[in-house]
Protein backbone atom coordinates (compact mmCIF):
# COMPACT_ATOMS: atom_id res chain seq x y z
CA UNK A 1 -26.93 0.31 -29.16
CA UNK A 2 -23.72 1.33 -29.36
CA UNK A 3 -21.60 3.39 -26.74
CA UNK A 4 -18.33 5.14 -27.37
CA UNK A 5 -16.56 6.63 -24.71
CA UNK A 6 -14.01 8.99 -24.96
CA UNK A 7 -11.35 10.71 -22.41
CA UNK A 8 -10.38 13.99 -23.79
CA UNK A 9 -8.33 14.85 -20.41
CA UNK A 10 -4.90 15.07 -21.98
CA UNK A 11 -6.35 16.78 -25.13
CA UNK A 12 -6.01 20.85 -26.01
CA UNK A 13 -8.99 23.12 -25.59
CA UNK A 14 -9.17 23.01 -30.09
CA UNK A 15 -9.34 19.27 -30.10
CA UNK A 16 -12.16 19.25 -27.95
CA UNK A 17 -14.20 21.55 -29.69
CA UNK A 18 -13.58 19.71 -32.80
CA UNK A 19 -14.82 16.23 -30.99
CA UNK A 20 -17.65 18.32 -30.33
CA UNK A 21 -18.59 19.78 -33.02
CA UNK A 22 -18.32 16.31 -34.59
CA UNK A 23 -20.69 14.98 -32.25
CA UNK A 24 -23.43 17.86 -32.70
CA UNK A 25 -22.87 16.94 -36.84
CA UNK A 26 -24.79 13.67 -36.26
CA UNK A 27 -27.79 15.16 -34.94
CA UNK A 28 -29.74 15.70 -37.89
CA UNK A 29 -29.42 12.68 -39.20
CA UNK A 30 -31.90 11.46 -36.71
CA UNK A 31 -35.40 12.02 -35.61
CA UNK A 32 -34.53 12.81 -31.93
CA UNK A 33 -31.27 14.09 -30.45
CA UNK A 34 -30.52 15.30 -27.09
CA UNK A 35 -27.12 16.55 -25.92
CA UNK A 36 -26.62 16.82 -21.91
CA UNK A 37 -23.66 19.00 -20.69
CA UNK A 38 -23.12 18.10 -17.15
CA UNK A 39 -20.06 20.17 -15.19
CA UNK A 40 -18.43 19.39 -11.99
CA UNK A 41 -16.36 21.68 -10.73
CA UNK A 42 -13.91 18.64 -8.66
CA UNK A 43 -14.20 16.23 -11.62
CA UNK A 44 -15.04 16.26 -15.49
CA UNK A 45 -17.57 17.68 -17.54
CA UNK A 46 -19.65 15.24 -19.63
CA UNK A 47 -20.71 15.62 -23.16
CA UNK A 48 -23.73 13.31 -23.52
CA UNK A 49 -25.35 12.87 -27.40
CA UNK A 50 -28.33 11.05 -27.49
CA UNK A 51 -29.86 9.55 -30.98
CA UNK A 52 -32.54 7.76 -31.67
CA UNK A 53 -33.09 6.93 -35.37
CA UNK A 54 -35.54 5.13 -37.35
CA UNK A 55 -34.02 1.59 -37.33
CA UNK A 56 -33.20 -0.43 -34.66
CA UNK A 57 -29.92 0.85 -33.57
CA UNK A 58 -29.29 3.62 -31.25
CA UNK A 59 -25.79 5.61 -31.34
CA UNK A 60 -24.57 7.02 -27.86
CA UNK A 61 -21.28 9.46 -28.05
CA UNK A 62 -20.14 10.45 -24.73
CA UNK A 63 -17.22 13.13 -24.61
CA UNK A 64 -15.13 13.86 -21.21
CA UNK A 65 -13.94 17.00 -20.70
CA UNK A 66 -11.43 18.24 -18.22
CA UNK A 67 -9.17 15.98 -15.56
CA UNK A 68 -9.92 14.61 -12.48
CA UNK A 69 -8.01 15.33 -9.47
CA UNK A 70 -7.57 13.19 -6.23
CA UNK A 71 -7.58 15.12 -2.81
CA UNK A 72 -5.00 13.51 -0.29
CA UNK A 73 -4.61 13.90 3.44
CA UNK A 74 -2.57 17.05 4.56
CA UNK A 75 -0.63 14.47 6.31
CA UNK A 76 0.54 12.47 3.13
CA UNK A 77 2.58 12.91 0.28
CA UNK A 78 3.18 11.24 -2.87
CA UNK A 79 6.43 9.56 -2.90
CA UNK A 80 8.49 10.67 -5.99
CA UNK A 81 8.93 8.16 -8.56
CA UNK A 82 6.17 5.97 -6.60
CA UNK A 83 2.80 6.87 -7.63
CA UNK A 84 0.68 4.76 -5.47
CA UNK A 85 3.02 4.90 -2.58
CA UNK A 86 1.60 7.52 0.16
CA UNK A 87 3.86 8.80 3.00
CA UNK A 88 3.01 10.29 6.45
CA UNK A 89 4.52 12.74 7.12
CA UNK A 90 5.33 14.63 11.13
CA UNK A 91 4.26 17.79 12.32
CA UNK A 92 7.97 19.34 10.97
CA UNK A 93 6.77 18.08 7.61
CA UNK A 94 9.15 15.51 7.48
CA UNK A 95 8.17 11.83 6.21
CA UNK A 96 10.23 9.51 8.46
CA UNK A 97 11.29 5.98 6.93
CA UNK A 98 14.49 5.70 9.09
CA UNK A 99 14.28 4.46 12.74
CA UNK A 100 17.23 6.65 13.43
CA UNK A 101 14.80 9.59 12.61
CA UNK A 102 12.49 8.73 15.48
CA UNK A 103 12.33 11.35 18.22
CA UNK A 104 8.85 10.75 20.00
CA UNK A 105 5.91 8.55 20.34
CA UNK A 106 4.39 10.84 17.16
CA UNK A 107 7.65 10.11 15.12
CA UNK A 108 7.13 6.88 16.07
CA UNK A 109 3.56 5.99 14.76
CA UNK A 110 4.54 7.78 11.57
CA UNK A 111 7.36 5.59 10.74
CA UNK A 112 5.45 2.37 11.45
CA UNK A 113 3.11 3.92 9.07
CA UNK A 114 5.55 4.40 6.60
CA UNK A 115 8.13 1.17 6.93
CA UNK A 116 4.40 -0.60 5.90
CA UNK A 117 4.22 1.20 2.77
CA UNK A 118 7.78 1.29 1.70
CA UNK A 119 8.50 -2.20 2.16
CA UNK A 120 7.02 -4.72 -0.03
CA UNK A 121 6.75 -7.51 2.16
CA UNK A 122 6.06 -5.99 5.19
CA UNK A 123 1.82 -5.59 5.42
CA UNK A 124 1.29 -4.49 8.92
CA UNK A 125 3.48 -3.02 12.19
CA UNK A 126 2.13 -3.05 15.29
CA UNK A 127 3.59 -1.57 18.74
CA UNK A 128 1.67 -1.90 22.07
CA UNK A 129 2.88 -0.20 24.96
CA UNK A 130 1.51 -0.87 28.79
CA UNK A 131 1.72 1.80 31.71
CA UNK A 132 3.73 -0.45 33.80
CA UNK A 133 6.69 -0.46 30.99
CA UNK A 134 5.65 -3.83 29.15
CA UNK A 135 5.53 -3.25 25.22
CA UNK A 136 5.75 -5.29 22.25
CA UNK A 137 6.69 -5.03 18.54
CA UNK A 138 4.64 -7.04 15.87
CA UNK A 139 5.75 -7.26 12.42
CA UNK A 140 3.45 -8.97 9.71
CA UNK A 141 4.84 -10.21 6.79
CA UNK A 142 4.37 -12.05 3.57
CA UNK A 143 5.72 -15.24 2.50
CA UNK A 144 6.05 -17.14 -0.67
CA UNK A 145 5.18 -20.97 -1.21
CA UNK A 146 3.54 -23.83 -2.89
CA UNK A 147 0.25 -25.31 -1.78
CA UNK A 148 0.63 -28.95 -1.91
CA UNK A 149 3.63 -28.30 -3.93
CA UNK A 150 1.96 -26.87 -7.26
CA UNK A 151 -0.04 -23.38 -6.67
CA UNK A 152 2.17 -20.30 -5.61
CA UNK A 153 0.56 -18.96 -2.16
CA UNK A 154 1.50 -16.17 -0.14
CA UNK A 155 1.25 -16.91 3.44
CA UNK A 156 1.85 -13.95 6.36
CA UNK A 157 3.98 -14.86 9.51
CA UNK A 158 3.62 -12.60 12.73
CA UNK A 159 6.97 -11.98 14.16
CA UNK A 160 6.63 -10.35 17.75
CA UNK A 161 9.59 -9.15 20.27
CA UNK A 162 8.10 -8.64 23.44
CA UNK A 163 9.77 -7.07 26.82
CA UNK A 164 7.74 -7.50 29.96
CA UNK A 165 8.57 -5.32 32.61
CA UNK A 166 11.46 -6.95 34.13
CA UNK A 167 13.08 -6.44 30.89
CA UNK A 168 12.93 -9.87 30.01
CA UNK A 169 12.66 -10.17 26.19
CA UNK A 170 11.10 -12.82 24.07
CA UNK A 171 11.16 -12.86 20.44
CA UNK A 172 8.89 -15.70 18.12
CA UNK A 173 7.71 -16.04 15.01
CA UNK A 174 4.91 -18.11 13.47
CA UNK A 175 2.60 -18.89 10.21
CA UNK A 176 -0.81 -19.81 9.90
CA UNK A 177 -2.13 -23.02 11.14
CA UNK A 178 -2.57 -24.30 7.57
CA UNK A 179 1.08 -23.63 6.23
CA UNK A 180 1.67 -27.35 6.78
CA UNK A 181 0.21 -27.53 3.34
CA UNK A 182 2.54 -25.18 1.86
CA UNK A 183 5.98 -26.39 0.31
CA UNK A 184 9.77 -24.14 -0.09
CA UNK A 185 7.56 -21.65 1.72
CA UNK A 186 10.70 -18.45 2.54
CA UNK A 187 10.12 -18.80 6.50
CA UNK A 188 11.57 -20.93 9.10
CA UNK A 189 10.13 -20.44 12.82
CA UNK A 190 13.28 -21.62 14.37
CA UNK A 191 16.19 -19.85 12.33
CA UNK A 192 14.26 -16.55 11.79
CA UNK A 193 13.79 -16.14 16.11
CA UNK A 194 17.67 -17.53 16.00
CA UNK A 195 18.51 -14.54 13.85
CA UNK A 196 16.22 -11.99 16.34
CA UNK A 197 18.12 -12.94 19.27
CA UNK A 198 21.54 -12.88 17.93
CA UNK A 199 21.02 -9.18 16.91
CA UNK A 200 22.44 -7.02 19.15
CA UNK A 201 20.05 -4.17 18.48
CA UNK A 202 16.59 -6.14 19.48
CA UNK A 203 18.67 -7.52 22.51
CA UNK A 204 19.76 -4.06 23.81
CA UNK A 205 16.02 -3.24 23.62
CA UNK A 206 15.15 -5.01 27.31
CA UNK A 207 18.46 -3.00 28.87
CA UNK A 208 17.38 0.49 27.66
CA UNK A 209 14.48 2.86 28.50
CA UNK A 210 11.79 1.87 26.51
CA UNK A 211 11.31 5.24 24.60
CA UNK A 212 9.75 5.47 20.87
CA UNK A 213 13.33 5.92 19.34
CA UNK A 214 14.43 2.14 20.82
CA UNK A 215 10.93 0.73 19.82
CA UNK A 216 11.91 1.93 16.20
CA UNK A 217 15.42 0.36 16.26
CA UNK A 218 13.63 -2.82 17.69
CA UNK A 219 10.94 -2.92 14.54
CA UNK A 220 13.88 -2.00 11.97
CA UNK A 221 16.05 -5.01 12.99
CA UNK A 222 13.04 -7.66 12.93
CA UNK A 223 12.50 -6.13 9.28
CA UNK A 224 15.90 -6.23 8.15
CA UNK A 225 16.17 -10.09 9.90
CA UNK A 226 13.25 -11.03 7.95
CA UNK A 227 14.40 -9.56 4.41
CA UNK A 228 17.77 -11.44 5.05
CA UNK A 229 15.96 -14.58 6.03
CA UNK A 230 13.45 -14.72 3.27
CA UNK A 231 16.43 -13.92 0.75
CA UNK A 232 18.75 -16.59 1.57
CA UNK A 233 15.29 -18.56 1.72
CA UNK A 234 14.20 -18.20 -1.25
CA UNK A 235 18.04 -18.83 -3.37
CA UNK A 236 18.01 -22.52 -1.42
CA UNK A 237 14.34 -22.97 -3.16
CA UNK A 238 15.33 -22.05 -6.63
CA UNK A 239 18.03 -24.46 -6.46
């Protein structure tokens, strides 16, 4: 059996007609022919030609007509030039990608989603808040390294900025337990934590009221420090 599948979604109507007539022209050559036409308003029409001949070889020709569309949520939008990236928008229709544009908890949720979508190395961002005023921001970040010094692998760090109800701030960053088997990894725990503690934006979060804007600024600062640290470590490993 031979199968030939042709996608005609980008051909003009006259081209589709010619292909369909060509398929029909094969029908008299066989003792049995069946043509099924299936249409779907949300997808593409399909023309299937089955033929059984006296020989041991069967032929099937499938013609797919039309174009396919993919439905997206009303809260998502496609970024121009980045067809695979979807950004979320707030109630005003704004795709928030900068911490300075965060004005509410709803904006913060949109920002956190968009940050993970636009930052290549950021796999996830979480912000948890308690009723007593304590809160923490957690960033999951991907690092490159070599397993046993041979195989290229990606391992994920977890970096947390935690502020308790008394305004005490702690930062820490760690890798999965098996990271000791990975060399030339673009992450050094002590250096990351030092960079975070030296960041004025992060340290100031313990001195002001914890609102959506402050939390967004802390997350943005954490990602910026991780990006800078990773870039430096990658340059060192390349030497």
